[in-house]
Amino acid sequence: MTALLIILAAIAILIIGYVTYGSWLAKQWGVDPTKKTPAQTMEDGVDYVAAPPAVLMGHHFSSIAGAGPINGPIQASVFGWLPVFLWCVLGGIFFGGLQDFGSLFASIRNDGKSVGEIIKSSMGKRAQKLFIIFALLVLILVIASFVNVVAGTFMTKPEEVFGIVTNPTNNQTTAMVSVLFIILAIIYGILTNKFGLKTGPATAIGIVGIILSLVIGLNVGIGMTRTTWIILIGLYITIASLIPVWIMLQPRDYLSSFLLYAMMIIAICGIFYSAFTGSATFQLPAFTGWKTGIGPMFPALFITVACGACSGFHSLISTGTSSKQLSSEAYAKPIGYGSMLIESALGIISLIAVGMVFDKFTAGEFGSPSVAFAQGIAAMFHGSKVIAALLTLAVSVFALTSLDTGTRLSRFMFSELFLKEDEATYKDASGIRKVLAHPLFGTAFMVIVGCVLGGLSLSQIWGLFGAANQLLAGVALLAVCAWLGQVGKNNKMFFIPMTFMLIATETSLIMTIFKKFGLIGAGEAAWGDWFQLVFAISMAVLAIILVIEAVGTLRKQAAAKA
């Protein structure tokens, strides 16, 4: 019954947080459903396209979730279920939800612009450029990490059959269903945007398409090498980031979200079923110790859980794509704040799932946290192989979703880096800046660098991604705090979350730096250690400079009020 009590408590607390704290934030900031949004005032048919709230919810939720709320809590479960539970629930309400909602709202009130542009309006152009460089470094890690994950999930071993195959392996099945999802998304986008089909009927067609994709994928697969998949994934995310959002981004993420919802419903049903039938036993202790194999609880717990409680990547999605598609400020709270709390619930589900197979997990029987998640839920249904396969498939689909969204964000921010204040697009620039700010150049640069790093399959990428992502969260909280202060709105709720996230992540990066210097001094450093060292130093220094800039801005705001 422990698992059942954990999920019921989590759901109750998260709902209370949404109704009370979420509503209070909306009131404090002055969310106004009567105001027109950038999707309405700046509609361009490419990036600024108003989406039905259910569709935008699907895009936003699928993009922020990915594999993060599954991998993070499962890896952090070595501390016990209680620390992870508390951080997912309280972190989601007071840290992650605050960041996501605040970032989305700030972007809506700034013509759908990115966090970098918001920083420029409150902290100046130098701070903006520093943030963009900082965010691009994080996005390189995002692209590299997810390219590595997706290619590894799709790949076929040399001894296996290549091309279109029957009786496919799990990897070949996942690859086929993912490709069919892309085709299905394009069809959905054309039906709704070119033929005017309403969301309801289109959704019904989409769900039938999802079922057919799963049926086909379970019987016919695609077999290709890891290198081939990396090249194809690079081409796909390049194209996906340049075409209008209604063709791929909106419909793909919306349809993918149904897999995520179904996955969560199956998991919750499994928790209830196992509680009353004893089909699986929750093996995870409440607390295992202050220090584990992944390090001391501070800062390791808060870095490792990541998306299950707070993630800087969310702020880039909120300000990079979602704010350009929001049709009314009335939907800012459910999409910005509500999606984060649902993701926290998914983090708790992941925690319970690994708790059902914790002995096997600690014994190293699973190749990845996503496999442990699928096997844990399957254990609640007496080890159902069908459920395990479907859940593994669902997790893989979301990794690709986060990947193409991250690439589009890279395109926006890379262009911003080279544009002057009076230049709206690359067409307004001149000389070499016109080339550097061109969407195709920025996209190609980020994709090539990300795919090369992802292709190296460096384990160090994951170690850096967690700290860099959480450090970005601290900086995003700081940016929204400064903007709210500038426009005269209450920003005090940001002080504790942003300070805590900045301290925790800087501590993690400093620990990494000292560790790498130790390996270098001992002559034991590999190429990946040098890579981590340079990246960690760059991130830490940029964050410190941004904090100094922000502190100066906040002091000026306080002095102006005095």
Protein backbone atom coordinates (compact mmCIF):
# COMPACT_ATOMS: atom_id res chain seq x y z
CA MET A 1 0.00 0.00 0.00
CA THR A 2 3.04 2.29 0.30
CA ALA A 3 3.12 2.97 -3.43
CA LEU A 4 -0.61 3.76 -3.49
CA LEU A 5 -0.30 6.19 -0.59
CA ILE A 6 2.66 7.90 -2.28
CA ILE A 7 0.81 8.54 -5.55
CA LEU A 8 -2.41 9.64 -3.82
CA ALA A 9 -0.51 12.06 -1.58
CA ALA A 10 1.41 13.45 -4.55
CA ILE A 11 -1.70 14.00 -6.66
CA ALA A 12 -3.55 15.68 -3.76
CA ILE A 13 -0.68 18.05 -2.95
CA LEU A 14 -0.09 18.94 -6.60
CA ILE A 15 -3.79 19.72 -7.15
CA ILE A 16 -3.85 21.91 -4.04
CA GLY A 17 -0.71 23.68 -5.27
CA TYR A 18 -2.25 24.32 -8.70
CA VAL A 19 -5.51 25.67 -7.30
CA THR A 20 -3.97 27.85 -4.57
CA TYR A 21 -0.40 28.87 -5.42
CA GLY A 22 -0.92 28.82 -9.19
CA SER A 23 -4.00 31.05 -8.91
CA TRP A 24 -2.18 33.39 -6.53
CA LEU A 25 0.68 33.78 -9.02
CA ALA A 26 -1.74 34.58 -11.84
CA LYS A 27 -3.37 37.25 -9.67
CA GLN A 28 -0.06 38.76 -8.55
CA TRP A 29 1.20 39.11 -12.11
CA GLY A 30 -2.06 40.33 -13.60
CA VAL A 31 -2.80 37.57 -16.10
CA ASP A 32 -5.51 39.07 -18.33
CA PRO A 33 -7.63 36.84 -20.65
CA THR A 34 -8.87 39.94 -22.50
CA LYS A 35 -5.41 40.93 -23.78
CA LYS A 36 -4.38 39.81 -27.24
CA THR A 37 -1.42 37.45 -27.39
CA PRO A 38 1.58 37.54 -29.77
CA ALA A 39 0.06 34.58 -31.67
CA GLN A 40 -2.79 36.92 -32.59
CA THR A 41 -0.97 40.23 -33.08
CA MET A 42 2.14 38.84 -34.82
CA GLU A 43 0.76 35.83 -36.73
CA ASP A 44 3.17 34.83 -39.52
CA GLY A 45 2.10 31.30 -40.42
CA VAL A 46 5.50 29.88 -39.47
CA ASP A 47 6.37 30.44 -35.79
CA TYR A 48 3.55 32.70 -34.58
CA VAL A 49 0.49 30.47 -35.08
CA ALA A 50 -2.37 30.38 -32.56
CA ALA A 51 -3.10 26.79 -31.56
CA PRO A 52 -6.20 25.32 -29.89
CA PRO A 53 -5.45 25.02 -26.15
CA ALA A 54 -5.55 21.20 -26.21
CA VAL A 55 -3.07 21.12 -29.10
CA LEU A 56 -0.73 23.61 -27.42
CA MET A 57 -1.00 21.69 -24.16
CA GLY A 58 0.08 18.58 -26.03
CA HIS A 59 3.03 20.36 -27.62
CA HIS A 60 4.18 22.00 -24.41
CA PHE A 61 3.77 18.93 -22.21
CA SER A 62 5.43 16.57 -24.69
CA SER A 63 8.33 18.96 -25.23
CA ILE A 64 9.10 19.66 -21.57
CA ALA A 65 8.63 16.04 -20.52
CA GLY A 66 10.74 13.99 -22.92
CA ALA A 67 12.56 11.31 -20.99
CA GLY A 68 13.62 13.68 -18.20
CA PRO A 69 10.95 13.02 -15.53
CA ILE A 70 11.58 9.29 -15.99
CA ASN A 71 15.38 9.18 -16.03
CA GLY A 72 15.96 11.75 -13.29
CA PRO A 73 13.80 10.43 -10.43
CA ILE A 74 14.85 6.84 -11.17
CA GLN A 75 18.55 7.72 -10.99
CA ALA A 76 17.95 9.73 -7.80
CA SER A 77 15.95 6.88 -6.21
CA VAL A 78 19.20 5.63 -4.68
CA PHE A 79 18.60 8.24 -1.93
CA GLY A 80 15.24 6.62 -1.08
CA TRP A 81 11.69 7.52 -2.05
CA LEU A 82 11.10 10.27 0.53
CA PRO A 83 13.76 12.80 -0.65
CA VAL A 84 12.73 12.32 -4.29
CA PHE A 85 9.03 12.59 -3.40
CA LEU A 86 9.53 15.84 -1.49
CA TRP A 87 11.66 17.45 -4.19
CA CYS A 88 9.34 16.42 -7.05
CA VAL A 89 6.24 17.71 -5.29
CA LEU A 90 7.55 20.83 -3.55
CA GLY A 91 10.05 21.57 -6.30
CA GLY A 92 7.32 21.30 -8.94
CA ILE A 93 4.98 23.68 -7.10
CA PHE A 94 7.43 26.33 -5.86
CA PHE A 95 10.39 26.03 -8.27
CA GLY A 96 9.60 24.39 -11.62
CA GLY A 97 6.01 25.60 -11.93
CA LEU A 98 7.07 29.11 -10.94
CA GLN A 99 9.80 29.15 -13.60
CA ASP A 100 7.66 27.71 -16.40
CA PHE A 101 4.61 29.89 -15.71
CA GLY A 102 6.72 33.00 -15.13
CA SER A 103 8.76 32.49 -18.29
CA LEU A 104 5.65 31.93 -20.42
CA PHE A 105 3.92 35.00 -19.00
CA ALA A 106 6.98 37.22 -19.42
CA SER A 107 7.37 36.11 -23.03
CA ILE A 108 3.70 36.74 -23.82
CA ARG A 109 4.08 40.29 -22.54
CA ASN A 110 7.25 40.72 -24.66
CA ASP A 111 5.92 39.78 -28.12
CA GLY A 112 6.67 36.08 -27.67
CA LYS A 113 10.39 36.76 -27.34
CA SER A 114 12.95 34.46 -25.71
CA VAL A 115 14.45 34.69 -22.25
CA GLY A 116 17.42 36.46 -23.82
CA GLU A 117 15.22 39.26 -25.15
CA ILE A 118 13.46 39.53 -21.78
CA ILE A 119 16.86 39.88 -20.09
CA LYS A 120 17.78 42.66 -22.52
CA SER A 121 14.71 44.68 -21.56
CA SER A 122 15.51 44.53 -17.84
CA MET A 123 19.27 43.91 -17.53
CA GLY A 124 20.75 45.28 -20.77
CA LYS A 125 22.20 44.02 -24.02
CA ARG A 126 25.45 42.65 -22.57
CA ALA A 127 23.51 40.39 -20.19
CA GLN A 128 21.33 39.30 -23.11
CA LYS A 129 24.31 38.22 -25.23
CA LEU A 130 25.87 36.38 -22.29
CA PHE A 131 22.62 34.53 -21.64
CA ILE A 132 22.23 33.52 -25.28
CA ILE A 133 25.76 32.06 -25.30
CA PHE A 134 24.94 30.28 -22.04
CA ALA A 135 21.66 28.89 -23.41
CA LEU A 136 23.26 27.76 -26.67
CA LEU A 137 25.85 25.78 -24.72
CA VAL A 138 22.99 24.06 -22.88
CA LEU A 139 21.14 23.40 -26.14
CA ILE A 140 24.24 21.81 -27.66
CA LEU A 141 24.19 19.38 -24.74
CA VAL A 142 20.43 18.85 -25.22
CA ILE A 143 20.88 18.01 -28.91
CA ALA A 144 23.95 15.83 -28.26
CA SER A 145 22.28 13.98 -25.39
CA PHE A 146 19.02 13.23 -27.18
CA VAL A 147 20.71 12.37 -30.48
CA ASN A 148 22.73 9.84 -28.49
CA VAL A 149 19.60 8.46 -26.82
CA VAL A 150 17.41 8.32 -29.93
CA ALA A 151 20.08 6.82 -32.18
CA GLY A 152 20.87 4.24 -29.50
CA THR A 153 17.18 3.38 -29.20
CA PHE A 154 16.67 3.05 -32.97
CA MET A 155 19.94 1.33 -33.94
CA THR A 156 20.25 -2.17 -35.33
CA LYS A 157 23.31 -4.24 -34.46
CA PRO A 158 25.62 -5.28 -37.33
CA GLU A 159 24.52 -8.91 -37.10
CA GLU A 160 20.82 -8.00 -37.40
CA VAL A 161 18.80 -7.48 -40.60
CA PHE A 162 18.86 -4.02 -42.19
CA GLY A 163 16.09 -2.23 -44.07
CA ILE A 164 12.39 -3.06 -43.66
CA VAL A 165 12.09 -6.20 -41.52
CA THR A 166 9.39 -8.46 -40.16
CA ASN A 167 9.51 -9.86 -36.62
CA PRO A 168 11.32 -6.67 -35.55
CA THR A 169 13.42 -6.17 -32.44
CA ASN A 170 12.35 -3.54 -29.89
CA ASN A 171 14.71 -1.00 -31.47
CA GLN A 172 13.39 -1.66 -34.98
CA THR A 173 9.81 -1.37 -33.73
CA THR A 174 10.53 1.94 -32.00
CA ALA A 175 12.15 3.30 -35.15
CA MET A 176 9.20 2.35 -37.34
CA VAL A 177 6.57 3.80 -35.02
CA SER A 178 8.56 7.05 -34.69
CA VAL A 179 8.75 7.42 -38.48
CA LEU A 180 5.02 6.70 -38.79
CA PHE A 181 4.36 9.35 -36.12
CA ILE A 182 6.12 11.93 -38.28
CA ILE A 183 3.98 11.00 -41.31
CA LEU A 184 0.83 11.02 -39.17
CA ALA A 185 1.67 14.48 -37.80
CA ILE A 186 2.03 15.94 -41.30
CA ILE A 187 -1.34 14.48 -42.31
CA TYR A 188 -2.97 15.89 -39.15
CA GLY A 189 -1.45 19.33 -39.76
CA ILE A 190 -2.71 19.45 -43.35
CA LEU A 191 -6.20 18.28 -42.39
CA THR A 192 -6.60 20.90 -39.64
CA ASN A 193 -4.82 23.87 -41.22
CA LYS A 194 -5.46 23.47 -44.95
CA PHE A 195 -8.81 21.66 -44.97
CA GLY A 196 -10.22 23.25 -41.80
CA LEU A 197 -11.01 20.00 -40.00
CA LYS A 198 -12.03 20.68 -36.38
CA THR A 199 -9.85 19.51 -33.49
CA GLY A 200 -12.36 16.87 -32.30
CA PRO A 201 -12.71 14.87 -35.54
CA ALA A 202 -9.02 15.36 -36.33
CA THR A 203 -8.09 14.01 -32.90
CA ALA A 204 -10.24 10.94 -33.45
CA ILE A 205 -8.48 10.31 -36.76
CA GLY A 206 -5.15 10.91 -35.04
CA ILE A 207 -5.84 8.39 -32.28
CA VAL A 208 -6.83 5.77 -34.87
CA GLY A 209 -3.58 6.61 -36.66
CA ILE A 210 -1.60 6.13 -33.44
CA ILE A 211 -3.15 2.69 -32.92
CA LEU A 212 -2.39 1.71 -36.53
CA SER A 213 1.19 2.98 -36.14
CA LEU A 214 1.64 0.80 -33.07
CA VAL A 215 0.15 -2.25 -34.77
CA ILE A 216 2.34 -1.81 -37.85
CA GLY A 217 5.44 -1.09 -35.77
CA LEU A 218 5.01 -4.19 -33.66
CA ASN A 219 5.00 -6.31 -36.83
CA VAL A 220 7.22 -4.41 -39.28
CA GLY A 221 10.38 -2.54 -38.28
CA ILE A 222 13.23 -0.48 -39.73
CA GLY A 223 16.80 -1.71 -39.33
CA MET A 224 19.71 0.75 -39.70
CA THR A 225 23.07 1.34 -38.03
CA ARG A 226 23.60 3.90 -35.31
CA THR A 227 25.65 6.16 -37.60
CA THR A 228 22.94 6.07 -40.28
CA TRP A 229 20.31 7.02 -37.74
CA ILE A 230 22.42 9.93 -36.46
CA ILE A 231 22.64 11.33 -39.99
CA LEU A 232 18.90 10.85 -40.60
CA ILE A 233 17.99 12.36 -37.23
CA GLY A 234 20.21 15.36 -38.00
CA LEU A 235 18.44 15.89 -41.33
CA TYR A 236 15.02 15.47 -39.72
CA ILE A 237 15.55 17.98 -36.90
CA THR A 238 17.06 20.48 -39.35
CA ILE A 239 13.97 20.37 -41.56
CA ALA A 240 11.56 20.21 -38.60
CA SER A 241 13.03 23.36 -37.06
CA LEU A 242 12.66 25.40 -40.27
CA ILE A 243 9.19 24.49 -41.50
CA PRO A 244 5.98 26.11 -40.13
CA VAL A 245 4.94 24.80 -36.70
CA TRP A 246 1.53 23.65 -37.94
CA ILE A 247 3.13 21.10 -40.29
CA MET A 248 5.14 19.18 -37.71
CA LEU A 249 5.64 20.71 -34.26
CA GLN A 250 2.04 21.28 -33.20
CA PRO A 251 0.46 18.07 -34.53
CA ARG A 252 3.38 15.76 -33.68
CA ASP A 253 3.60 16.89 -30.08
CA TYR A 254 -0.17 16.92 -29.66
CA LEU A 255 -0.53 13.35 -30.91
CA SER A 256 2.52 12.23 -28.92
CA SER A 257 0.93 13.59 -25.77
CA PHE A 258 -1.78 10.93 -25.99
CA LEU A 259 0.90 8.28 -25.62
CA LEU A 260 2.17 10.09 -22.55
CA TYR A 261 -1.32 10.40 -21.03
CA ALA A 262 -1.99 6.72 -21.74
CA MET A 263 1.34 5.77 -20.21
CA MET A 264 0.50 7.65 -17.00
CA ILE A 265 -3.03 6.17 -16.82
CA ILE A 266 -1.68 2.63 -17.29
CA ALA A 267 0.89 3.27 -14.57
CA ILE A 268 -1.66 4.62 -12.08
CA CYS A 269 -4.00 1.68 -12.80
CA GLY A 270 -1.04 -0.63 -12.18
CA ILE A 271 -0.34 1.02 -8.82
CA PHE A 272 -3.94 0.48 -7.72
CA TYR A 273 -4.00 -3.06 -9.08
CA SER A 274 -0.78 -4.08 -7.34
CA ALA A 275 -1.90 -2.50 -4.06
CA PHE A 276 -4.98 -4.72 -3.88
CA THR A 277 -3.70 -7.88 -5.56
CA GLY A 278 -0.08 -7.96 -4.42
CA SER A 279 1.12 -8.45 -8.00
CA ALA A 280 4.27 -6.45 -7.17
CA THR A 281 6.02 -5.31 -3.99
CA PHE A 282 7.37 -1.80 -3.43
CA GLN A 283 11.01 -2.44 -2.48
CA LEU A 284 12.41 1.09 -2.21
CA PRO A 285 13.30 2.31 1.33
CA ALA A 286 12.16 5.75 2.44
CA PHE A 287 15.75 6.89 2.98
CA THR A 288 19.06 5.22 2.23
CA GLY A 289 21.62 7.81 3.34
CA TRP A 290 23.02 11.30 2.79
CA LYS A 291 25.66 10.09 0.36
CA THR A 292 25.33 7.49 -2.40
CA GLY A 293 27.14 6.41 -5.54
CA ILE A 294 26.00 9.56 -7.38
CA GLY A 295 27.37 11.84 -4.65
CA PRO A 296 26.14 13.71 -1.56
CA MET A 297 22.43 14.55 -1.40
CA PHE A 298 23.31 18.21 -1.81
CA PRO A 299 23.69 18.96 -4.63
CA ALA A 300 23.28 15.55 -6.34
CA LEU A 301 19.55 15.04 -5.59
CA PHE A 302 18.56 18.45 -6.96
CA ILE A 303 20.69 18.07 -10.07
CA THR A 304 19.71 14.48 -10.84
CA VAL A 305 15.89 14.70 -10.50
CA ALA A 306 15.96 17.62 -12.96
CA CYS A 307 12.76 17.73 -15.07
CA GLY A 308 10.69 16.01 -12.38
CA ALA A 309 10.97 19.16 -10.23
CA CYS A 310 12.63 21.99 -12.17
CA SER A 311 14.33 22.29 -15.56
CA GLY A 312 15.89 25.24 -17.34
CA PHE A 313 15.04 23.70 -20.71
CA HIS A 314 11.38 24.39 -19.88
CA SER A 315 11.98 28.15 -19.86
CA LEU A 316 13.38 27.95 -23.39
CA ILE A 317 10.30 26.05 -24.58
CA SER A 318 7.92 28.42 -22.78
CA THR A 319 9.52 31.48 -24.38
CA GLY A 320 10.68 29.90 -27.63
CA THR A 321 7.64 28.07 -29.01
CA SER A 322 4.68 27.96 -26.60
CA SER A 323 4.38 31.74 -26.12
CA LYS A 324 4.13 32.15 -29.91
CA GLN A 325 1.17 29.75 -30.09
CA LEU A 326 -0.89 30.75 -27.04
CA SER A 327 -4.32 31.99 -28.16
CA SER A 328 -5.32 33.55 -24.81
CA GLU A 329 -3.68 34.45 -21.51
CA ALA A 330 -6.44 32.41 -19.89
CA TYR A 331 -4.49 29.29 -20.90
CA ALA A 332 -1.14 30.48 -19.52
CA LYS A 333 -1.73 28.94 -16.08
CA PRO A 334 -2.90 25.45 -17.16
CA ILE A 335 -0.24 25.20 -19.87
CA GLY A 336 2.67 26.93 -18.11
CA TYR A 337 2.03 25.90 -14.51
CA GLY A 338 -0.24 22.87 -14.92
CA SER A 339 2.07 21.03 -17.33
CA MET A 340 4.92 21.22 -14.85
CA LEU A 341 2.81 19.75 -12.06
CA ILE A 342 1.69 16.90 -14.35
CA GLU A 343 5.36 16.28 -15.07
CA SER A 344 6.05 16.16 -11.33
CA ALA A 345 3.33 13.52 -11.06
CA LEU A 346 5.09 11.57 -13.81
CA GLY A 347 8.28 11.86 -11.79
CA ILE A 348 6.51 10.29 -8.81
CA ILE A 349 5.14 7.51 -11.03
CA SER A 350 8.70 6.84 -12.24
CA LEU A 351 9.85 6.69 -8.63
CA ILE A 352 7.18 4.12 -7.80
CA ALA A 353 7.96 2.12 -10.95
CA VAL A 354 11.63 1.69 -10.06
CA GLY A 355 10.56 0.91 -6.49
CA MET A 356 8.82 -2.20 -7.80
CA VAL A 357 12.07 -3.53 -9.29
CA PHE A 358 14.56 -1.72 -7.08
CA ASP A 359 16.60 -4.80 -6.20
CA LYS A 360 17.13 -5.60 -9.88
CA PHE A 361 17.81 -1.92 -10.66
CA THR A 362 20.59 -1.65 -8.07
CA ALA A 363 21.97 -4.97 -9.30
CA GLY A 364 22.38 -3.41 -12.75
CA GLU A 365 19.95 -5.68 -14.58
CA PHE A 366 18.50 -2.83 -16.68
CA GLY A 367 20.39 -1.06 -19.41
CA SER A 368 18.75 2.31 -18.80
CA PRO A 369 16.26 4.05 -16.46
CA SER A 370 13.60 3.94 -19.18
CA VAL A 371 13.85 0.14 -19.25
CA ALA A 372 13.60 0.05 -15.46
CA PHE A 373 10.49 2.26 -15.69
CA ALA A 374 8.83 -0.03 -18.24
CA GLN A 375 9.73 -3.18 -16.32
CA GLY A 376 8.52 -1.67 -13.04
CA ILE A 377 5.08 -0.83 -14.44
CA ALA A 378 4.93 -4.22 -16.19
CA ALA A 379 5.69 -5.92 -12.86
CA MET A 380 2.45 -4.48 -11.48
CA PHE A 381 0.64 -6.40 -14.23
CA HIS A 382 2.40 -9.69 -13.49
CA GLY A 383 5.34 -8.87 -15.77
CA SER A 384 3.30 -8.21 -18.94
CA LYS A 385 5.72 -8.10 -21.90
CA VAL A 386 3.23 -6.16 -24.04
CA ILE A 387 2.98 -3.35 -21.49
CA ALA A 388 6.76 -3.26 -21.06
CA ALA A 389 7.25 -2.94 -24.83
CA LEU A 390 4.61 -0.21 -25.21
CA LEU A 391 6.01 1.86 -22.32
CA THR A 392 9.56 1.61 -23.65
CA LEU A 393 8.24 2.74 -27.01
CA ALA A 394 6.40 5.72 -25.49
CA VAL A 395 9.52 6.95 -23.69
CA SER A 396 11.53 6.78 -26.91
CA VAL A 397 8.95 8.83 -28.83
CA PHE A 398 9.27 11.68 -26.34
CA ALA A 399 13.04 11.83 -26.60
CA LEU A 400 12.63 12.64 -30.32
CA THR A 401 9.94 15.22 -29.50
CA SER A 402 12.26 17.13 -27.16
CA LEU A 403 15.01 16.91 -29.75
CA ASP A 404 13.20 18.68 -32.59
CA THR A 405 11.81 21.32 -30.21
CA GLY A 406 15.31 21.99 -28.87
CA THR A 407 16.63 22.46 -32.40
CA ARG A 408 13.97 25.06 -33.21
CA LEU A 409 14.90 26.91 -30.02
CA SER A 410 18.54 26.85 -31.12
CA ARG A 411 17.56 28.52 -34.39
CA PHE A 412 15.83 31.39 -32.58
CA MET A 413 18.65 32.05 -30.15
CA PHE A 414 21.50 31.66 -32.64
CA SER A 415 19.92 34.37 -34.82
CA GLU A 416 19.37 36.66 -31.82
CA LEU A 417 23.06 36.44 -30.97
CA PHE A 418 24.10 38.24 -34.16
CA LEU A 419 21.30 40.76 -34.61
CA LYS A 420 21.55 44.40 -33.55
CA GLU A 421 18.85 46.07 -31.48
CA ASP A 422 17.11 47.65 -34.49
CA GLU A 423 17.19 44.44 -36.57
CA ALA A 424 14.16 42.15 -36.44
CA THR A 425 15.40 39.34 -38.71
CA TYR A 426 18.51 38.31 -40.61
CA LYS A 427 17.18 40.25 -43.62
CA ASP A 428 17.79 43.50 -41.72
CA ALA A 429 21.42 42.61 -40.98
CA SER A 430 24.39 43.16 -43.28
CA GLY A 431 27.73 41.56 -44.09
CA ILE A 432 28.82 38.46 -42.23
CA ARG A 433 26.13 38.99 -39.59
CA LYS A 434 23.45 38.43 -42.24
CA VAL A 435 24.95 35.00 -42.91
CA LEU A 436 25.44 34.12 -39.23
CA ALA A 437 21.90 35.22 -38.31
CA HIS A 438 20.32 33.25 -41.17
CA PRO A 439 18.03 30.51 -39.77
CA LEU A 440 19.62 27.82 -41.93
CA PHE A 441 23.17 28.66 -40.80
CA GLY A 442 22.35 28.62 -37.09
CA THR A 443 20.33 25.43 -37.40
CA ALA A 444 23.03 23.65 -39.40
CA PHE A 445 25.77 24.72 -36.99
CA MET A 446 23.92 23.53 -33.89
CA VAL A 447 22.79 20.27 -35.50
CA ILE A 448 26.26 19.39 -36.80
CA VAL A 449 27.99 20.10 -33.48
CA GLY A 450 25.25 18.32 -31.52
CA CYS A 451 25.24 15.27 -33.77
CA VAL A 452 29.03 14.97 -33.72
CA LEU A 453 29.09 15.07 -29.92
CA GLY A 454 26.09 12.72 -29.73
CA GLY A 455 27.78 10.38 -32.16
CA LEU A 456 30.80 10.11 -29.89
CA SER A 457 28.47 8.59 -27.29
CA LEU A 458 30.30 10.32 -24.46
CA SER A 459 28.95 9.41 -21.04
CA GLN A 460 30.28 12.79 -19.91
CA ILE A 461 27.55 14.56 -21.88
CA TRP A 462 24.90 13.33 -19.44
CA GLY A 463 26.94 14.41 -16.43
CA LEU A 464 27.19 17.93 -17.79
CA PHE A 465 23.61 18.11 -19.02
CA GLY A 466 22.07 17.80 -15.54
CA ALA A 467 24.12 20.59 -13.96
CA ALA A 468 23.91 22.87 -17.01
CA ASN A 469 20.15 22.39 -17.29
CA GLN A 470 19.54 23.19 -13.63
CA LEU A 471 21.89 26.17 -13.77
CA LEU A 472 19.84 27.47 -16.69
CA ALA A 473 16.76 27.15 -14.45
CA GLY A 474 18.40 29.38 -11.85
CA VAL A 475 19.30 31.96 -14.50
CA ALA A 476 15.79 31.85 -16.00
CA LEU A 477 14.24 32.40 -12.57
CA LEU A 478 16.60 35.33 -12.11
CA ALA A 479 15.68 36.79 -15.52
CA VAL A 480 11.92 36.68 -14.91
CA CYS A 481 12.44 38.07 -11.42
CA ALA A 482 14.32 41.07 -12.84
CA TRP A 483 11.67 41.66 -15.52
CA LEU A 484 8.78 41.54 -13.04
CA GLY A 485 10.63 44.05 -10.86
CA GLN A 486 11.09 46.34 -13.84
CA VAL A 487 7.38 46.34 -14.73
CA GLY A 488 6.40 46.87 -11.09
CA LYS A 489 4.95 43.46 -10.27
CA ASN A 490 5.57 41.25 -7.23
CA ASN A 491 8.76 39.22 -7.75
CA LYS A 492 9.63 38.23 -4.18
CA MET A 493 8.46 34.64 -4.72
CA PHE A 494 11.51 34.17 -6.98
CA PHE A 495 14.20 35.05 -4.43
CA ILE A 496 14.49 31.69 -2.61
CA PRO A 497 14.05 29.39 -5.66
CA MET A 498 16.58 31.23 -7.84
CA THR A 499 19.14 31.51 -5.04
CA PHE A 500 18.84 27.83 -4.17
CA MET A 501 19.10 26.64 -7.79
CA LEU A 502 22.12 28.84 -8.49
CA ILE A 503 23.96 27.70 -5.37
CA ALA A 504 23.17 24.00 -5.94
CA THR A 505 24.24 24.01 -9.57
CA GLU A 506 27.35 26.13 -9.11
CA THR A 507 28.37 23.75 -6.31
CA SER A 508 27.92 20.79 -8.65
CA LEU A 509 29.96 22.43 -11.42
CA ILE A 510 32.75 23.40 -9.01
CA MET A 511 32.89 19.81 -7.73
CA THR A 512 33.15 18.62 -11.33
CA ILE A 513 35.94 21.11 -12.07
CA PHE A 514 38.01 20.02 -9.06
CA LYS A 515 37.48 16.37 -9.92
CA LYS A 516 38.66 16.86 -13.50
CA PHE A 517 41.69 18.86 -12.40
CA GLY A 518 42.52 15.96 -10.09
CA LEU A 519 42.39 13.49 -12.98
CA ILE A 520 44.52 15.78 -15.14
CA GLY A 521 47.07 16.20 -12.37
CA ALA A 522 47.27 12.44 -11.96
CA GLY A 523 47.69 11.95 -15.70
CA GLU A 524 44.49 9.90 -15.91
CA ALA A 525 42.30 12.32 -17.88
CA ALA A 526 40.70 11.15 -21.13
CA TRP A 527 39.39 13.40 -23.92
CA GLY A 528 35.96 13.41 -22.34
CA ASP A 529 37.36 14.72 -19.05
CA TRP A 530 38.90 17.69 -20.84
CA PHE A 531 35.58 18.27 -22.59
CA GLN A 532 33.73 18.30 -19.28
CA LEU A 533 36.28 20.60 -17.67
CA VAL A 534 36.14 23.26 -20.39
CA PHE A 535 32.34 23.14 -20.57
CA ALA A 536 31.93 23.26 -16.77
CA ILE A 537 34.26 26.25 -16.40
CA SER A 538 32.51 28.11 -19.23
CA MET A 539 29.05 27.52 -17.73
CA ALA A 540 30.11 28.44 -14.20
CA VAL A 541 31.81 31.69 -15.25
CA LEU A 542 28.95 32.81 -17.50
CA ALA A 543 26.43 32.14 -14.74
CA ILE A 544 28.45 34.12 -12.19
CA ILE A 545 28.68 37.11 -14.54
CA LEU A 546 24.92 36.97 -15.16
CA VAL A 547 24.24 36.81 -11.43
CA ILE A 548 26.40 39.90 -10.87
CA GLU A 549 24.50 41.73 -13.62
CA ALA A 550 21.16 40.70 -12.12
CA VAL A 551 22.07 41.68 -8.58
CA GLY A 552 22.97 45.14 -9.87
CA THR A 553 19.63 45.38 -11.67
CA LEU A 554 17.64 44.28 -8.62
CA ARG A 555 19.49 46.76 -6.39
CA LYS A 556 18.66 49.60 -8.76
CA GLN A 557 15.00 48.54 -8.77
CA ALA A 558 14.95 48.43 -4.95
CA ALA A 559 16.61 51.85 -4.74
CA ALA A 560 14.07 53.31 -7.16
CA LYS A 561 11.22 52.12 -4.96
CA ALA A 562 12.80 53.49 -1.77
